[in-house]
Amino acid sequence: MKRLFLLLLVAVTFSSCEEGATEYFVKVTVTNEDGLPVQNAAVKMFTPIQNSTEWYNFTDVSGQVVFRSGFEAYHDIKAWKMVYEGCNYVRLVRGETIDVNVVLYPIGDPNGCVE
């Protein structure tokens, strides 16, 4: 009886850990004004709150980068390359990969970024 109880306890423990292990993914596609993908653009996903986690990476040949998070949240996304930048935002959804597009415009043009 004790073994059955112990086995049941271990099974419940591991199943609840697996439940919390679900991750959240965001695929960011960075393009220029003409809709062409921008390779090697810097991309940052962040929450504008002090001491919050930030994700940072560069786009690949297809102008994409994927970020992975362990929690649901709203995040700002900023991309830039040389004198071009663009911004957007995302709400992470459990178990889904959210696609977000960021269009780069010359710095100073309306680009969705709040300074």
PDB file of N, CA and C in Angstrom:
ATOM      1  N   MET A   1       0.822  -1.191   0.000  1.00  0.00           N
ATOM      2  CA  MET A   1       0.000   0.000   0.000  1.00  0.00           C
ATOM      3  C   MET A   1       0.872   1.262   0.000  1.00  0.00           C
ATOM      4  N   LYS A   2       1.935   1.234   0.808  1.00  0.00           N
ATOM      5  CA  LYS A   2       2.824   2.391   0.856  1.00  0.00           C
ATOM      6  C   LYS A   2       3.492   2.615  -0.503  1.00  0.00           C
ATOM      7  N   ARG A   3       3.858   1.542  -1.194  1.00  0.00           N
ATOM      8  CA  ARG A   3       4.492   1.660  -2.506  1.00  0.00           C
ATOM      9  C   ARG A   3       3.530   2.262  -3.514  1.00  0.00           C
ATOM     10  N   LEU A   4       2.285   1.841  -3.463  1.00  0.00           N
ATOM     11  CA  LEU A   4       1.281   2.387  -4.370  1.00  0.00           C
ATOM     12  C   LEU A   4       1.090   3.880  -4.129  1.00  0.00           C
ATOM     13  N   PHE A   5       1.026   4.262  -2.857  1.00  0.00           N
ATOM     14  CA  PHE A   5       0.878   5.675  -2.514  1.00  0.00           C
ATOM     15  C   PHE A   5       2.090   6.476  -2.986  1.00  0.00           C
ATOM     16  N   LEU A   6       3.294   5.930  -2.775  1.00  0.00           N
ATOM     17  CA  LEU A   6       4.522   6.611  -3.192  1.00  0.00           C
ATOM     18  C   LEU A   6       4.579   6.738  -4.712  1.00  0.00           C
ATOM     19  N   LEU A   7       4.218   5.682  -5.419  1.00  0.00           N
ATOM     20  CA  LEU A   7       4.193   5.721  -6.874  1.00  0.00           C
ATOM     21  C   LEU A   7       3.198   6.757  -7.384  1.00  0.00           C
ATOM     22  N   LEU A   8       2.039   6.815  -6.784  1.00  0.00           N
ATOM     23  CA  LEU A   8       1.023   7.796  -7.159  1.00  0.00           C
ATOM     24  C   LEU A   8       1.508   9.224  -6.899  1.00  0.00           C
ATOM     25  N   LEU A   9       2.172   9.415  -5.758  1.00  0.00           N
ATOM     26  CA  LEU A   9       2.708  10.734  -5.416  1.00  0.00           C
ATOM     27  C   LEU A   9       3.771  11.174  -6.426  1.00  0.00           C
ATOM     28  N   VAL A  10       4.655  10.277  -6.816  1.00  0.00           N
ATOM     29  CA  VAL A  10       5.694  10.592  -7.808  1.00  0.00           C
ATOM     30  C   VAL A  10       5.058  10.919  -9.153  1.00  0.00           C
ATOM     31  N   ALA A  11       4.053  10.156  -9.566  1.00  0.00           N
ATOM     32  CA  ALA A  11       3.384  10.406 -10.843  1.00  0.00           C
ATOM     33  C   ALA A  11       2.717  11.767 -10.857  1.00  0.00           C
ATOM     34  N   VAL A  12       2.063  12.144  -9.775  1.00  0.00           N
ATOM     35  CA  VAL A  12       1.407  13.457  -9.705  1.00  0.00           C
ATOM     36  C   VAL A  12       2.434  14.569  -9.725  1.00  0.00           C
ATOM     37  N   THR A  13       3.542  14.376  -9.046  1.00  0.00           N
ATOM     38  CA  THR A  13       4.594  15.399  -9.006  1.00  0.00           C
ATOM     39  C   THR A  13       5.156  15.655 -10.397  1.00  0.00           C
ATOM     40  N   PHE A  14       5.490  14.586 -11.129  1.00  0.00           N
ATOM     41  CA  PHE A  14       6.056  14.769 -12.458  1.00  0.00           C
ATOM     42  C   PHE A  14       5.042  15.318 -13.449  1.00  0.00           C
ATOM     43  N   SER A  15       3.805  14.926 -13.333  1.00  0.00           N
ATOM     44  CA  SER A  15       2.799  15.442 -14.268  1.00  0.00           C
ATOM     45  C   SER A  15       2.539  16.918 -14.023  1.00  0.00           C
ATOM     46  N   SER A  16       2.596  17.387 -12.790  1.00  0.00           N
ATOM     47  CA  SER A  16       2.378  18.809 -12.537  1.00  0.00           C
ATOM     48  C   SER A  16       3.582  19.626 -12.982  1.00  0.00           C
ATOM     49  N   CYS A  17       4.787  19.080 -12.936  1.00  0.00           N
ATOM     50  CA  CYS A  17       5.963  19.789 -13.454  1.00  0.00           C
ATOM     51  C   CYS A  17       5.855  19.940 -14.966  1.00  0.00           C
ATOM     52  N   GLU A  18       5.384  18.912 -15.619  1.00  0.00           N
ATOM     53  CA  GLU A  18       5.236  18.959 -17.064  1.00  0.00           C
ATOM     54  C   GLU A  18       4.203  19.996 -17.462  1.00  0.00           C
ATOM     55  N   GLU A  19       3.150  20.140 -16.694  1.00  0.00           N
ATOM     56  CA  GLU A  19       2.099  21.131 -16.971  1.00  0.00           C
ATOM     57  C   GLU A  19       2.677  22.545 -16.986  1.00  0.00           C
ATOM     58  N   GLY A  20       3.562  22.868 -16.012  1.00  0.00           N
ATOM     59  CA  GLY A  20       4.134  24.205 -15.919  1.00  0.00           C
ATOM     60  C   GLY A  20       5.265  24.445 -16.892  1.00  0.00           C
ATOM     61  N   ALA A  21       5.721  23.395 -17.582  1.00  0.00           N
ATOM     62  CA  ALA A  21       6.868  23.520 -18.474  1.00  0.00           C
ATOM     63  C   ALA A  21       6.489  24.024 -19.860  1.00  0.00           C
ATOM     64  N   THR A  22       5.218  24.255 -20.125  1.00  0.00           N
ATOM     65  CA  THR A  22       4.805  24.736 -21.435  1.00  0.00           C
ATOM     66  C   THR A  22       5.455  26.089 -21.711  1.00  0.00           C
ATOM     67  N   GLU A  23       5.957  26.238 -22.922  1.00  0.00           N
ATOM     68  CA  GLU A  23       6.652  27.470 -23.271  1.00  0.00           C
ATOM     69  C   GLU A  23       5.841  28.295 -24.257  1.00  0.00           C
ATOM     70  N   TYR A  24       6.236  29.526 -24.415  1.00  0.00           N
ATOM     71  CA  TYR A  24       5.587  30.477 -25.295  1.00  0.00           C
ATOM     72  C   TYR A  24       6.601  30.902 -26.347  1.00  0.00           C
ATOM     73  N   PHE A  25       6.183  30.912 -27.607  1.00  0.00           N
ATOM     74  CA  PHE A  25       7.097  31.243 -28.698  1.00  0.00           C
ATOM     75  C   PHE A  25       6.577  32.430 -29.504  1.00  0.00           C
ATOM     76  N   VAL A  26       7.516  33.248 -29.973  1.00  0.00           N
ATOM     77  CA  VAL A  26       7.196  34.377 -30.847  1.00  0.00           C
ATOM     78  C   VAL A  26       8.140  34.316 -32.040  1.00  0.00           C
ATOM     79  N   LYS A  27       7.574  34.325 -33.238  1.00  0.00           N
ATOM     80  CA  LYS A  27       8.394  34.388 -34.446  1.00  0.00           C
ATOM     81  C   LYS A  27       8.255  35.799 -35.012  1.00  0.00           C
ATOM     82  N   VAL A  28       9.357  36.536 -35.008  1.00  0.00           N
ATOM     83  CA  VAL A  28       9.375  37.916 -35.484  1.00  0.00           C
ATOM     84  C   VAL A  28       9.952  37.929 -36.895  1.00  0.00           C
ATOM     85  N   THR A  29       9.221  38.547 -37.817  1.00  0.00           N
ATOM     86  CA  THR A  29       9.702  38.733 -39.180  1.00  0.00           C
ATOM     87  C   THR A  29       9.945  40.219 -39.404  1.00  0.00           C
ATOM     88  N   VAL A  30      11.155  40.563 -39.786  1.00  0.00           N
ATOM     89  CA  VAL A  30      11.529  41.960 -40.009  1.00  0.00           C
ATOM     90  C   VAL A  30      11.643  42.186 -41.519  1.00  0.00           C
ATOM     91  N   THR A  31      10.923  43.205 -42.003  1.00  0.00           N
ATOM     92  CA  THR A  31      10.955  43.540 -43.429  1.00  0.00           C
ATOM     93  C   THR A  31      11.236  45.032 -43.594  1.00  0.00           C
ATOM     94  N   ASN A  32      11.588  45.405 -44.830  1.00  0.00           N
ATOM     95  CA  ASN A  32      11.723  46.823 -45.136  1.00  0.00           C
ATOM     96  C   ASN A  32      10.381  47.349 -45.654  1.00  0.00           C
ATOM     97  N   GLU A  33      10.344  48.586 -46.077  1.00  0.00           N
ATOM     98  CA  GLU A  33       9.089  49.204 -46.546  1.00  0.00           C
ATOM     99  C   GLU A  33       8.504  48.490 -47.762  1.00  0.00           C
ATOM    100  N   ASP A  34       9.344  47.828 -48.544  1.00  0.00           N
ATOM    101  CA  ASP A  34       8.887  47.121 -49.740  1.00  0.00           C
ATOM    102  C   ASP A  34       8.452  45.684 -49.447  1.00  0.00           C
ATOM    103  N   GLY A  35       8.528  45.264 -48.174  1.00  0.00           N
ATOM    104  CA  GLY A  35       8.127  43.915 -47.793  1.00  0.00           C
ATOM    105  C   GLY A  35       9.207  42.869 -47.944  1.00  0.00           C
ATOM    106  N   LEU A  36      10.431  43.289 -48.224  1.00  0.00           N
ATOM    107  CA  LEU A  36      11.548  42.351 -48.367  1.00  0.00           C
ATOM    108  C   LEU A  36      12.152  42.043 -46.997  1.00  0.00           C
ATOM    109  N   PRO A  37      12.526  40.794 -46.734  1.00  0.00           N
ATOM    110  CA  PRO A  37      13.105  40.440 -45.429  1.00  0.00           C
ATOM    111  C   PRO A  37      14.448  41.120 -45.208  1.00  0.00           C
ATOM    112  N   VAL A  38      14.703  41.495 -43.967  1.00  0.00           N
ATOM    113  CA  VAL A  38      15.951  42.171 -43.601  1.00  0.00           C
ATOM    114  C   VAL A  38      16.806  41.208 -42.784  1.00  0.00           C
ATOM    115  N   GLN A  39      17.937  40.810 -43.363  1.00  0.00           N
ATOM    116  CA  GLN A  39      18.874  39.912 -42.695  1.00  0.00           C
ATOM    117  C   GLN A  39      19.746  40.691 -41.724  1.00  0.00           C
ATOM    118  N   ASN A  40      20.118  40.068 -40.603  1.00  0.00           N
ATOM    119  CA  ASN A  40      21.016  40.635 -39.593  1.00  0.00           C
ATOM    120  C   ASN A  40      20.484  41.905 -38.939  1.00  0.00           C
ATOM    121  N   ALA A  41      19.175  42.045 -38.844  1.00  0.00           N
ATOM    122  CA  ALA A  41      18.591  43.153 -38.082  1.00  0.00           C
ATOM    123  C   ALA A  41      18.599  42.759 -36.612  1.00  0.00           C
ATOM    124  N   ALA A  42      18.935  43.692 -35.746  1.00  0.00           N
ATOM    125  CA  ALA A  42      18.893  43.437 -34.304  1.00  0.00           C
ATOM    126  C   ALA A  42      17.439  43.504 -33.849  1.00  0.00           C
ATOM    127  N   VAL A  43      17.028  42.537 -33.027  1.00  0.00           N
ATOM    128  CA  VAL A  43      15.648  42.485 -32.532  1.00  0.00           C
ATOM    129  C   VAL A  43      15.680  42.286 -31.028  1.00  0.00           C
ATOM    130  N   LYS A  44      14.885  43.100 -30.324  1.00  0.00           N
ATOM    131  CA  LYS A  44      14.780  42.990 -28.867  1.00  0.00           C
ATOM    132  C   LYS A  44      13.314  42.850 -28.494  1.00  0.00           C
ATOM    133  N   MET A  45      12.994  41.854 -27.656  1.00  0.00           N
ATOM    134  CA  MET A  45      11.655  41.695 -27.107  1.00  0.00           C
ATOM    135  C   MET A  45      11.765  41.974 -25.607  1.00  0.00           C
ATOM    136  N   PHE A  46      10.907  42.861 -25.109  1.00  0.00           N
ATOM    137  CA  PHE A  46      11.046  43.294 -23.718  1.00  0.00           C
ATOM    138  C   PHE A  46       9.716  43.809 -23.184  1.00  0.00           C
ATOM    139  N   THR A  47       9.653  43.929 -21.885  1.00  0.00           N
ATOM    140  CA  THR A  47       8.536  44.585 -21.216  1.00  0.00           C
ATOM    141  C   THR A  47       9.105  45.855 -20.605  1.00  0.00           C
ATOM    142  N   PRO A  48       8.498  47.010 -20.855  1.00  0.00           N
ATOM    143  CA  PRO A  48       9.073  48.263 -20.354  1.00  0.00           C
ATOM    144  C   PRO A  48       8.842  48.465 -18.851  1.00  0.00           C
ATOM    145  N   ILE A  49       9.329  47.496 -18.087  1.00  0.00           N
ATOM    146  CA  ILE A  49       9.246  47.536 -16.631  1.00  0.00           C
ATOM    147  C   ILE A  49      10.653  47.323 -16.101  1.00  0.00           C
ATOM    148  N   GLN A  50      11.019  48.059 -15.085  1.00  0.00           N
ATOM    149  CA  GLN A  50      12.364  47.965 -14.530  1.00  0.00           C
ATOM    150  C   GLN A  50      12.663  46.538 -14.070  1.00  0.00           C
ATOM    151  N   ASN A  51      13.858  46.049 -14.364  1.00  0.00           N
ATOM    152  CA  ASN A  51      14.368  44.730 -13.989  1.00  0.00           C
ATOM    153  C   ASN A  51      13.605  43.570 -14.627  1.00  0.00           C
ATOM    154  N   SER A  52      12.932  43.806 -15.738  1.00  0.00           N
ATOM    155  CA  SER A  52      12.234  42.711 -16.417  1.00  0.00           C
ATOM    156  C   SER A  52      13.200  42.003 -17.379  1.00  0.00           C
ATOM    157  N   THR A  53      12.814  40.816 -17.806  1.00  0.00           N
ATOM    158  CA  THR A  53      13.626  40.017 -18.720  1.00  0.00           C
ATOM    159  C   THR A  53      13.554  40.592 -20.128  1.00  0.00           C
ATOM    160  N   GLU A  54      14.681  40.557 -20.824  1.00  0.00           N
ATOM    161  CA  GLU A  54      14.744  40.984 -22.225  1.00  0.00           C
ATOM    162  C   GLU A  54      15.323  39.856 -23.056  1.00  0.00           C
ATOM    163  N   TRP A  55      14.868  39.744 -24.303  1.00  0.00           N
ATOM    164  CA  TRP A  55      15.399  38.784 -25.251  1.00  0.00           C
ATOM    165  C   TRP A  55      15.994  39.587 -26.401  1.00  0.00           C
ATOM    166  N   TYR A  56      17.139  39.139 -26.908  1.00  0.00           N
ATOM    167  CA  TYR A  56      17.844  39.896 -27.942  1.00  0.00           C
ATOM    168  C   TYR A  56      18.506  38.910 -28.899  1.00  0.00           C
ATOM    169  N   ASN A  57      18.351  39.160 -30.199  1.00  0.00           N
ATOM    170  CA  ASN A  57      18.998  38.311 -31.196  1.00  0.00           C
ATOM    171  C   ASN A  57      18.985  39.025 -32.548  1.00  0.00           C
ATOM    172  N   PHE A  58      19.581  38.395 -33.561  1.00  0.00           N
ATOM    173  CA  PHE A  58      19.621  38.940 -34.917  1.00  0.00           C
ATOM    174  C   PHE A  58      18.794  38.062 -35.850  1.00  0.00           C
ATOM    175  N   THR A  59      18.207  38.683 -36.871  1.00  0.00           N
ATOM    176  CA  THR A  59      17.413  37.929 -37.835  1.00  0.00           C
ATOM    177  C   THR A  59      18.312  37.072 -38.729  1.00  0.00           C
ATOM    178  N   ASP A  60      17.726  35.994 -39.239  1.00  0.00           N
ATOM    179  CA  ASP A  60      18.450  35.108 -40.142  1.00  0.00           C
ATOM    180  C   ASP A  60      18.283  35.590 -41.585  1.00  0.00           C
ATOM    181  N   VAL A  61      18.656  34.770 -42.549  1.00  0.00           N
ATOM    182  CA  VAL A  61      18.598  35.124 -43.973  1.00  0.00           C
ATOM    183  C   VAL A  61      17.173  35.468 -44.404  1.00  0.00           C
ATOM    184  N   SER A  62      16.191  34.821 -43.796  1.00  0.00           N
ATOM    185  CA  SER A  62      14.787  35.069 -44.158  1.00  0.00           C
ATOM    186  C   SER A  62      14.171  36.219 -43.359  1.00  0.00           C
ATOM    187  N   GLY A  63      14.989  36.946 -42.591  1.00  0.00           N
ATOM    188  CA  GLY A  63      14.494  38.085 -41.823  1.00  0.00           C
ATOM    189  C   GLY A  63      13.721  37.682 -40.581  1.00  0.00           C
ATOM    190  N   GLN A  64      13.943  36.464 -40.075  1.00  0.00           N
ATOM    191  CA  GLN A  64      13.179  35.975 -38.936  1.00  0.00           C
ATOM    192  C   GLN A  64      14.061  35.626 -37.750  1.00  0.00           C
ATOM    193  N   VAL A  65      13.455  35.722 -36.581  1.00  0.00           N
ATOM    194  CA  VAL A  65      14.083  35.292 -35.333  1.00  0.00           C
ATOM    195  C   VAL A  65      12.955  34.761 -34.442  1.00  0.00           C
ATOM    196  N   VAL A  66      13.260  33.731 -33.661  1.00  0.00           N
ATOM    197  CA  VAL A  66      12.260  33.148 -32.760  1.00  0.00           C
ATOM    198  C   VAL A  66      12.736  33.338 -31.326  1.00  0.00           C
ATOM    199  N   PHE A  67      11.836  33.846 -30.483  1.00  0.00           N
ATOM    200  CA  PHE A  67      12.104  33.996 -29.053  1.00  0.00           C
ATOM    201  C   PHE A  67      11.249  32.997 -28.287  1.00  0.00           C
ATOM    202  N   ARG A  68      11.782  32.495 -27.180  1.00  0.00           N
ATOM    203  CA  ARG A  68      11.065  31.545 -26.337  1.00  0.00           C
ATOM    204  C   ARG A  68      10.979  32.110 -24.925  1.00  0.00           C
ATOM    205  N   SER A  69       9.796  32.052 -24.349  1.00  0.00           N
ATOM    206  CA  SER A  69       9.579  32.558 -22.999  1.00  0.00           C
ATOM    207  C   SER A  69       8.903  31.478 -22.172  1.00  0.00           C
ATOM    208  N   GLY A  70       9.005  31.586 -20.869  1.00  0.00           N
ATOM    209  CA  GLY A  70       8.386  30.616 -19.983  1.00  0.00           C
ATOM    210  C   GLY A  70       7.112  31.114 -19.337  1.00  0.00           C
ATOM    211  N   PHE A  71       6.636  32.296 -19.749  1.00  0.00           N
ATOM    212  CA  PHE A  71       5.435  32.833 -19.101  1.00  0.00           C
ATOM    213  C   PHE A  71       4.627  33.696 -20.060  1.00  0.00           C
ATOM    214  N   GLU A  72       3.352  33.823 -19.755  1.00  0.00           N
ATOM    215  CA  GLU A  72       2.456  34.637 -20.572  1.00  0.00           C
ATOM    216  C   GLU A  72       2.626  36.101 -20.192  1.00  0.00           C
ATOM    217  N   ALA A  73       2.716  36.955 -21.205  1.00  0.00           N
ATOM    218  CA  ALA A  73       2.889  38.386 -20.947  1.00  0.00           C
ATOM    219  C   ALA A  73       2.685  39.160 -22.244  1.00  0.00           C
ATOM    220  N   TYR A  74       2.596  40.465 -22.105  1.00  0.00           N
ATOM    221  CA  TYR A  74       2.629  41.376 -23.245  1.00  0.00           C
ATOM    222  C   TYR A  74       4.052  41.914 -23.334  1.00  0.00           C
ATOM    223  N   HIS A  75       4.608  41.929 -24.533  1.00  0.00           N
ATOM    224  CA  HIS A  75       5.971  42.414 -24.725  1.00  0.00           C
ATOM    225  C   HIS A  75       6.016  43.397 -25.881  1.00  0.00           C
ATOM    226  N   ASP A  76       6.923  44.357 -25.787  1.00  0.00           N
ATOM    227  CA  ASP A  76       7.228  45.245 -26.901  1.00  0.00           C
ATOM    228  C   ASP A  76       8.327  44.593 -27.714  1.00  0.00           C
ATOM    229  N   ILE A  77       8.322  44.855 -29.007  1.00  0.00           N
ATOM    230  CA  ILE A  77       9.359  44.343 -29.891  1.00  0.00           C
ATOM    231  C   ILE A  77       9.931  45.521 -30.670  1.00  0.00           C
ATOM    232  N   LYS A  78      11.251  45.622 -30.653  1.00  0.00           N
ATOM    233  CA  LYS A  78      11.925  46.688 -31.393  1.00  0.00           C
ATOM    234  C   LYS A  78      12.987  46.050 -32.278  1.00  0.00           C
ATOM    235  N   ALA A  79      13.030  46.462 -33.539  1.00  0.00           N
ATOM    236  CA  ALA A  79      14.042  45.970 -34.478  1.00  0.00           C
ATOM    237  C   ALA A  79      14.739  47.177 -35.095  1.00  0.00           C
ATOM    238  N   TRP A  80      16.016  47.018 -35.400  1.00  0.00           N
ATOM    239  CA  TRP A  80      16.759  48.110 -36.021  1.00  0.00           C
ATOM    240  C   TRP A  80      17.943  47.561 -36.802  1.00  0.00           C
ATOM    241  N   LYS A  81      18.315  48.350 -37.796  1.00  0.00           N
ATOM    242  CA  LYS A  81      19.513  48.065 -38.584  1.00  0.00           C
ATOM    243  C   LYS A  81      19.969  49.380 -39.190  1.00  0.00           C
ATOM    244  N   MET A  82      21.186  49.744 -38.893  1.00  0.00           N
ATOM    245  CA  MET A  82      21.783  50.997 -39.340  1.00  0.00           C
ATOM    246  C   MET A  82      20.869  52.170 -38.967  1.00  0.00           C
ATOM    247  N   VAL A  83      20.337  52.925 -39.921  1.00  0.00           N
ATOM    248  CA  VAL A  83      19.512  54.094 -39.611  1.00  0.00           C
ATOM    249  C   VAL A  83      18.019  53.795 -39.779  1.00  0.00           C
ATOM    250  N   TYR A  84      17.646  52.523 -39.662  1.00  0.00           N
ATOM    251  CA  TYR A  84      16.245  52.108 -39.804  1.00  0.00           C
ATOM    252  C   TYR A  84      15.798  51.421 -38.521  1.00  0.00           C
ATOM    253  N   GLU A  85      14.546  51.642 -38.151  1.00  0.00           N
ATOM    254  CA  GLU A  85      14.007  50.965 -36.983  1.00  0.00           C
ATOM    255  C   GLU A  85      12.499  50.790 -37.129  1.00  0.00           C
ATOM    256  N   GLY A  86      11.966  49.888 -36.334  1.00  0.00           N
ATOM    257  CA  GLY A  86      10.530  49.651 -36.324  1.00  0.00           C
ATOM    258  C   GLY A  86      10.142  48.946 -35.038  1.00  0.00           C
ATOM    259  N   CYS A  87       8.876  49.082 -34.639  1.00  0.00           N
ATOM    260  CA  CYS A  87       8.408  48.493 -33.392  1.00  0.00           C
ATOM    261  C   CYS A  87       7.043  47.850 -33.565  1.00  0.00           C
ATOM    262  N   ASN A  88       6.725  46.939 -32.667  1.00  0.00           N
ATOM    263  CA  ASN A  88       5.436  46.295 -32.614  1.00  0.00           C
ATOM    264  C   ASN A  88       5.278  45.749 -31.197  1.00  0.00           C
ATOM    265  N   TYR A  89       4.239  45.001 -30.950  1.00  0.00           N
ATOM    266  CA  TYR A  89       4.045  44.378 -29.640  1.00  0.00           C
ATOM    267  C   TYR A  89       3.446  42.997 -29.853  1.00  0.00           C
ATOM    268  N   VAL A  90       3.458  42.187 -28.791  1.00  0.00           N
ATOM    269  CA  VAL A  90       2.933  40.831 -28.881  1.00  0.00           C
ATOM    270  C   VAL A  90       2.354  40.408 -27.536  1.00  0.00           C
ATOM    271  N   ARG A  91       1.330  39.589 -27.592  1.00  0.00           N
ATOM    272  CA  ARG A  91       0.791  38.931 -26.399  1.00  0.00           C
ATOM    273  C   ARG A  91       1.088  37.450 -26.570  1.00  0.00           C
ATOM    274  N   LEU A  92       1.863  36.899 -25.660  1.00  0.00           N
ATOM    275  CA  LEU A  92       2.224  35.495 -25.735  1.00  0.00           C
ATOM    276  C   LEU A  92       1.031  34.633 -25.335  1.00  0.00           C
ATOM    277  N   VAL A  93       0.835  33.533 -26.049  1.00  0.00           N
ATOM    278  CA  VAL A  93      -0.258  32.604 -25.788  1.00  0.00           C
ATOM    279  C   VAL A  93       0.331  31.221 -25.565  1.00  0.00           C
ATOM    280  N   ARG A  94      -0.080  30.588 -24.488  1.00  0.00           N
ATOM    281  CA  ARG A  94       0.450  29.274 -24.114  1.00  0.00           C
ATOM    282  C   ARG A  94       0.226  28.243 -25.224  1.00  0.00           C
ATOM    283  N   GLY A  95       1.304  27.555 -25.568  1.00  0.00           N
ATOM    284  CA  GLY A  95       1.222  26.481 -26.544  1.00  0.00           C
ATOM    285  C   GLY A  95       1.118  26.919 -27.992  1.00  0.00           C
ATOM    286  N   GLU A  96       1.261  28.194 -28.274  1.00  0.00           N
ATOM    287  CA  GLU A  96       1.167  28.690 -29.648  1.00  0.00           C
ATOM    288  C   GLU A  96       2.431  29.463 -30.010  1.00  0.00           C
ATOM    289  N   THR A  97       2.741  29.473 -31.303  1.00  0.00           N
ATOM    290  CA  THR A  97       3.799  30.345 -31.809  1.00  0.00           C
ATOM    291  C   THR A  97       3.114  31.531 -32.467  1.00  0.00           C
ATOM    292  N   ILE A  98       3.343  32.709 -31.924  1.00  0.00           N
ATOM    293  CA  ILE A  98       2.718  33.930 -32.417  1.00  0.00           C
ATOM    294  C   ILE A  98       3.633  34.563 -33.459  1.00  0.00           C
ATOM    295  N   ASP A  99       3.079  34.890 -34.619  1.00  0.00           N
ATOM    296  CA  ASP A  99       3.834  35.569 -35.679  1.00  0.00           C
ATOM    297  C   ASP A  99       3.649  37.071 -35.553  1.00  0.00           C
ATOM    298  N   VAL A 100       4.758  37.792 -35.569  1.00  0.00           N
ATOM    299  CA  VAL A 100       4.727  39.252 -35.482  1.00  0.00           C
ATOM    300  C   VAL A 100       5.589  39.820 -36.601  1.00  0.00           C
ATOM    301  N   ASN A 101       5.083  40.843 -37.275  1.00  0.00           N
ATOM    302  CA  ASN A 101       5.840  41.524 -38.321  1.00  0.00           C
ATOM    303  C   ASN A 101       6.293  42.885 -37.813  1.00  0.00           C
ATOM    304  N   VAL A 102       7.535  43.218 -38.121  1.00  0.00           N
ATOM    305  CA  VAL A 102       8.074  44.542 -37.812  1.00  0.00           C
ATOM    306  C   VAL A 102       8.621  45.115 -39.112  1.00  0.00           C
ATOM    307  N   VAL A 103       8.154  46.306 -39.482  1.00  0.00           N
ATOM    308  CA  VAL A 103       8.606  46.970 -40.706  1.00  0.00           C
ATOM    309  C   VAL A 103       9.593  48.069 -40.310  1.00  0.00           C
ATOM    310  N   LEU A 104      10.746  48.074 -40.959  1.00  0.00           N
ATOM    311  CA  LEU A 104      11.769  49.088 -40.676  1.00  0.00           C
ATOM    312  C   LEU A 104      11.562  50.319 -41.552  1.00  0.00           C
ATOM    313  N   TYR A 105      11.605  51.485 -40.901  1.00  0.00           N
ATOM    314  CA  TYR A 105      11.511  52.780 -41.573  1.00  0.00           C
ATOM    315  C   TYR A 105      12.713  53.617 -41.145  1.00  0.00           C
ATOM    316  N   PRO A 106      13.061  54.651 -41.898  1.00  0.00           N
ATOM    317  CA  PRO A 106      14.146  55.533 -41.457  1.00  0.00           C
ATOM    318  C   PRO A 106      13.838  56.109 -40.079  1.00  0.00           C
ATOM    319  N   ILE A 107      14.851  56.188 -39.235  1.00  0.00           N
ATOM    320  CA  ILE A 107      14.669  56.736 -37.883  1.00  0.00           C
ATOM    321  C   ILE A 107      14.096  58.140 -38.002  1.00  0.00           C
ATOM    322  N   GLY A 108      13.077  58.416 -37.230  1.00  0.00           N
ATOM    323  CA  GLY A 108      12.398  59.714 -37.263  1.00  0.00           C
ATOM    324  C   GLY A 108      11.068  59.641 -37.985  1.00  0.00           C
ATOM    325  N   ASP A 109      10.909  58.692 -38.914  1.00  0.00           N
ATOM    326  CA  ASP A 109       9.610  58.489 -39.576  1.00  0.00           C
ATOM    327  C   ASP A 109       8.678  57.761 -38.605  1.00  0.00           C
ATOM    328  N   PRO A 110       7.369  57.906 -38.782  1.00  0.00           N
ATOM    329  CA  PRO A 110       6.445  57.122 -37.951  1.00  0.00           C
ATOM    330  C   PRO A 110       6.709  55.620 -38.166  1.00  0.00           C
ATOM    331  N   ASN A 111       7.078  54.928 -37.076  1.00  0.00           N
ATOM    332  CA  ASN A 111       7.468  53.516 -37.216  1.00  0.00           C
ATOM    333  C   ASN A 111       6.892  52.641 -36.116  1.00  0.00           C
ATOM    334  N   GLY A 112       5.960  53.170 -35.330  1.00  0.00           N
ATOM    335  CA  GLY A 112       5.359  52.387 -34.252  1.00  0.00           C
ATOM    336  C   GLY A 112       6.127  52.422 -32.957  1.00  0.00           C
ATOM    337  N   CYS A 113       7.291  53.063 -32.941  1.00  0.00           N
ATOM    338  CA  CYS A 113       8.101  53.131 -31.722  1.00  0.00           C
ATOM    339  C   CYS A 113       7.701  54.333 -30.880  1.00  0.00           C
ATOM    340  N   VAL A 114       7.606  54.108 -29.585  1.00  0.00           N
ATOM    341  CA  VAL A 114       7.317  55.185 -28.650  1.00  0.00           C
ATOM    342  C   VAL A 114       8.624  55.524 -27.932  1.00  0.00           C
ATOM    343  N   GLU A 115       9.031  56.729 -28.036  1.00  0.00           N
ATOM    344  CA  GLU A 115      10.305  57.145 -27.408  1.00  0.00           C
ATOM    345  C   GLU A 115      10.067  57.802 -26.089  1.00  0.00           C
TER     346      GLU A 115
END
